[in-house]
């Protein structure tokens, strides 16, 4: 039973990756260009589950050579924006498609 479950999960995940191919467009390319051109640190922000994902994104960026830090969105509005030097690029993580900035 556990092998059947594992195979089912892997098929679902493989399909999700295949579905992402059709969604890659100029927006993705622009995001990559902005991050690549960033001269400062990349600021990743989010709240709730998006914040947890944002922390992982920031850690991955940092561990692969892109200076990055996570800034909780609510804390930013209460004074923590002071950690910004002004030359950063911000990346906001969200699970709500209506809150995506374009």
C-alpha atoms as a PDB file:
ATOM      1  CA  UNK A   1       0.000   0.000   0.000  1.00  0.00           C
ATOM      2  CA  UNK A   2       2.776   2.492   0.815  1.00  0.00           C
ATOM      3  CA  UNK A   3       4.368   1.938  -2.610  1.00  0.00           C
ATOM      4  CA  UNK A   4       1.032   2.610  -4.300  1.00  0.00           C
ATOM      5  CA  UNK A   5       0.648   5.799  -2.294  1.00  0.00           C
ATOM      6  CA  UNK A   6       4.190   6.904  -3.135  1.00  0.00           C
ATOM      7  CA  UNK A   7       3.618   6.261  -6.847  1.00  0.00           C
ATOM      8  CA  UNK A   8       0.328   8.151  -6.754  1.00  0.00           C
ATOM      9  CA  UNK A   9       1.944  11.144  -5.013  1.00  0.00           C
ATOM     10  CA  UNK A  10       4.853  11.179  -7.465  1.00  0.00           C
ATOM     11  CA  UNK A  11       2.436  11.107 -10.433  1.00  0.00           C
ATOM     12  CA  UNK A  12       0.529  14.055  -8.964  1.00  0.00           C
ATOM     13  CA  UNK A  13       3.750  16.007  -8.365  1.00  0.00           C
ATOM     14  CA  UNK A  14       5.087  15.170 -11.845  1.00  0.00           C
ATOM     15  CA  UNK A  15       1.834  16.419 -13.385  1.00  0.00           C
ATOM     16  CA  UNK A  16       2.054  19.629 -11.365  1.00  0.00           C
ATOM     17  CA  UNK A  17       5.547  20.246 -12.744  1.00  0.00           C
ATOM     18  CA  UNK A  18       4.329  19.537 -16.286  1.00  0.00           C
ATOM     19  CA  UNK A  19       1.465  21.991 -15.770  1.00  0.00           C
ATOM     20  CA  UNK A  20       3.945  24.689 -14.730  1.00  0.00           C
ATOM     21  CA  UNK A  21       5.629  24.559 -18.142  1.00  0.00           C
ATOM     22  CA  UNK A  22       2.597  26.209 -19.742  1.00  0.00           C
ATOM     23  CA  UNK A  23       2.589  28.954 -17.099  1.00  0.00           C
ATOM     24  CA  UNK A  24       6.176  30.085 -17.664  1.00  0.00           C
ATOM     25  CA  UNK A  25       6.079  33.406 -19.474  1.00  0.00           C
ATOM     26  CA  UNK A  26       7.768  36.793 -19.651  1.00  0.00           C
ATOM     27  CA  UNK A  27       6.776  37.487 -16.026  1.00  0.00           C
ATOM     28  CA  UNK A  28       9.036  34.671 -14.849  1.00  0.00           C
ATOM     29  CA  UNK A  29      11.863  35.878 -17.049  1.00  0.00           C
ATOM     30  CA  UNK A  30      11.470  39.416 -15.715  1.00  0.00           C
ATOM     31  CA  UNK A  31      11.588  38.174 -12.107  1.00  0.00           C
ATOM     32  CA  UNK A  32      14.786  36.244 -12.808  1.00  0.00           C
ATOM     33  CA  UNK A  33      16.340  39.292 -14.506  1.00  0.00           C
ATOM     34  CA  UNK A  34      15.449  41.547 -11.549  1.00  0.00           C
ATOM     35  CA  UNK A  35      16.923  39.123  -9.025  1.00  0.00           C
ATOM     36  CA  UNK A  36      20.047  38.583 -11.138  1.00  0.00           C
ATOM     37  CA  UNK A  37      20.610  42.344 -11.489  1.00  0.00           C
ATOM     38  CA  UNK A  38      20.130  43.041  -7.768  1.00  0.00           C
ATOM     39  CA  UNK A  39      23.242  44.707  -6.375  1.00  0.00           C
ATOM     40  CA  UNK A  40      22.156  44.396  -2.746  1.00  0.00           C
ATOM     41  CA  UNK A  41      20.373  41.710  -0.806  1.00  0.00           C
ATOM     42  CA  UNK A  42      17.119  40.082  -1.837  1.00  0.00           C
ATOM     43  CA  UNK A  43      14.385  40.767   0.711  1.00  0.00           C
ATOM     44  CA  UNK A  44      11.821  37.960   0.905  1.00  0.00           C
ATOM     45  CA  UNK A  45       8.588  38.706   2.732  1.00  0.00           C
ATOM     46  CA  UNK A  46       5.377  36.909   3.567  1.00  0.00           C
ATOM     47  CA  UNK A  47       2.968  35.984   6.360  1.00  0.00           C
ATOM     48  CA  UNK A  48       1.525  32.692   7.530  1.00  0.00           C
ATOM     49  CA  UNK A  49       2.230  29.780   5.200  1.00  0.00           C
ATOM     50  CA  UNK A  50       3.643  32.185   2.637  1.00  0.00           C
ATOM     51  CA  UNK A  51       6.052  33.391   5.298  1.00  0.00           C
ATOM     52  CA  UNK A  52       7.227  29.841   5.974  1.00  0.00           C
ATOM     53  CA  UNK A  53       7.829  29.369   2.247  1.00  0.00           C
ATOM     54  CA  UNK A  54       9.522  32.776   2.096  1.00  0.00           C
ATOM     55  CA  UNK A  55      11.939  31.781   4.848  1.00  0.00           C
ATOM     56  CA  UNK A  56      12.904  28.687   2.874  1.00  0.00           C
ATOM     57  CA  UNK A  57      13.331  30.720  -0.328  1.00  0.00           C
ATOM     58  CA  UNK A  58      15.551  33.199   1.493  1.00  0.00           C
ATOM     59  CA  UNK A  59      17.638  30.410   3.014  1.00  0.00           C
ATOM     60  CA  UNK A  60      18.016  28.751  -0.387  1.00  0.00           C
ATOM     61  CA  UNK A  61      19.065  32.011  -2.042  1.00  0.00           C
ATOM     62  CA  UNK A  62      21.607  32.679   0.709  1.00  0.00           C
ATOM     63  CA  UNK A  63      23.043  29.165   0.604  1.00  0.00           C
ATOM     64  CA  UNK A  64      23.484  29.350  -3.173  1.00  0.00           C
ATOM     65  CA  UNK A  65      25.341  32.656  -3.131  1.00  0.00           C
ATOM     66  CA  UNK A  66      22.611  35.291  -3.402  1.00  0.00           C
ATOM     67  CA  UNK A  67      22.593  37.504  -0.289  1.00  0.00           C
ATOM     68  CA  UNK A  68      19.079  37.391   1.111  1.00  0.00           C
ATOM     69  CA  UNK A  69      17.049  37.828   4.267  1.00  0.00           C
ATOM     70  CA  UNK A  70      13.466  37.220   5.335  1.00  0.00           C
ATOM     71  CA  UNK A  71      11.354  40.105   6.611  1.00  0.00           C
ATOM     72  CA  UNK A  72       7.957  39.263   8.133  1.00  0.00           C
ATOM     73  CA  UNK A  73       5.362  41.497   6.468  1.00  0.00           C
ATOM     74  CA  UNK A  74       3.682  42.548   9.722  1.00  0.00           C
ATOM     75  CA  UNK A  75       7.005  43.312  11.393  1.00  0.00           C
ATOM     76  CA  UNK A  76       8.013  45.425   8.399  1.00  0.00           C
ATOM     77  CA  UNK A  77       5.058  47.717   9.016  1.00  0.00           C
ATOM     78  CA  UNK A  78       6.122  48.132  12.649  1.00  0.00           C
ATOM     79  CA  UNK A  79       9.604  49.465  12.078  1.00  0.00           C
ATOM     80  CA  UNK A  80      11.665  46.545  10.826  1.00  0.00           C
ATOM     81  CA  UNK A  81      12.051  48.136   7.398  1.00  0.00           C
ATOM     82  CA  UNK A  82      15.075  49.787   8.953  1.00  0.00           C
ATOM     83  CA  UNK A  83      17.110  46.681   8.100  1.00  0.00           C
ATOM     84  CA  UNK A  84      16.825  47.663   4.453  1.00  0.00           C
ATOM     85  CA  UNK A  85      19.784  49.503   2.957  1.00  0.00           C
ATOM     86  CA  UNK A  86      17.828  50.709  -0.064  1.00  0.00           C
ATOM     87  CA  UNK A  87      19.570  48.657  -2.747  1.00  0.00           C
ATOM     88  CA  UNK A  88      17.601  45.460  -2.225  1.00  0.00           C
ATOM     89  CA  UNK A  89      15.024  43.761  -4.381  1.00  0.00           C
ATOM     90  CA  UNK A  90      11.895  42.537  -2.630  1.00  0.00           C
ATOM     91  CA  UNK A  91      10.199  39.213  -3.278  1.00  0.00           C
ATOM     92  CA  UNK A  92       6.757  38.726  -1.764  1.00  0.00           C
ATOM     93  CA  UNK A  93       5.472  35.197  -1.240  1.00  0.00           C
ATOM     94  CA  UNK A  94       1.718  34.637  -1.350  1.00  0.00           C
ATOM     95  CA  UNK A  95      -0.754  31.828  -1.745  1.00  0.00           C
ATOM     96  CA  UNK A  96      -3.539  34.275  -2.623  1.00  0.00           C
ATOM     97  CA  UNK A  97      -3.486  34.932  -6.389  1.00  0.00           C
ATOM     98  CA  UNK A  98      -5.492  38.126  -5.875  1.00  0.00           C
ATOM     99  CA  UNK A  99      -2.688  39.666  -3.824  1.00  0.00           C
ATOM    100  CA  UNK A 100       0.077  39.169  -6.397  1.00  0.00           C
ATOM    101  CA  UNK A 101       1.859  42.382  -7.368  1.00  0.00           C
ATOM    102  CA  UNK A 102       2.582  42.753 -11.083  1.00  0.00           C
END
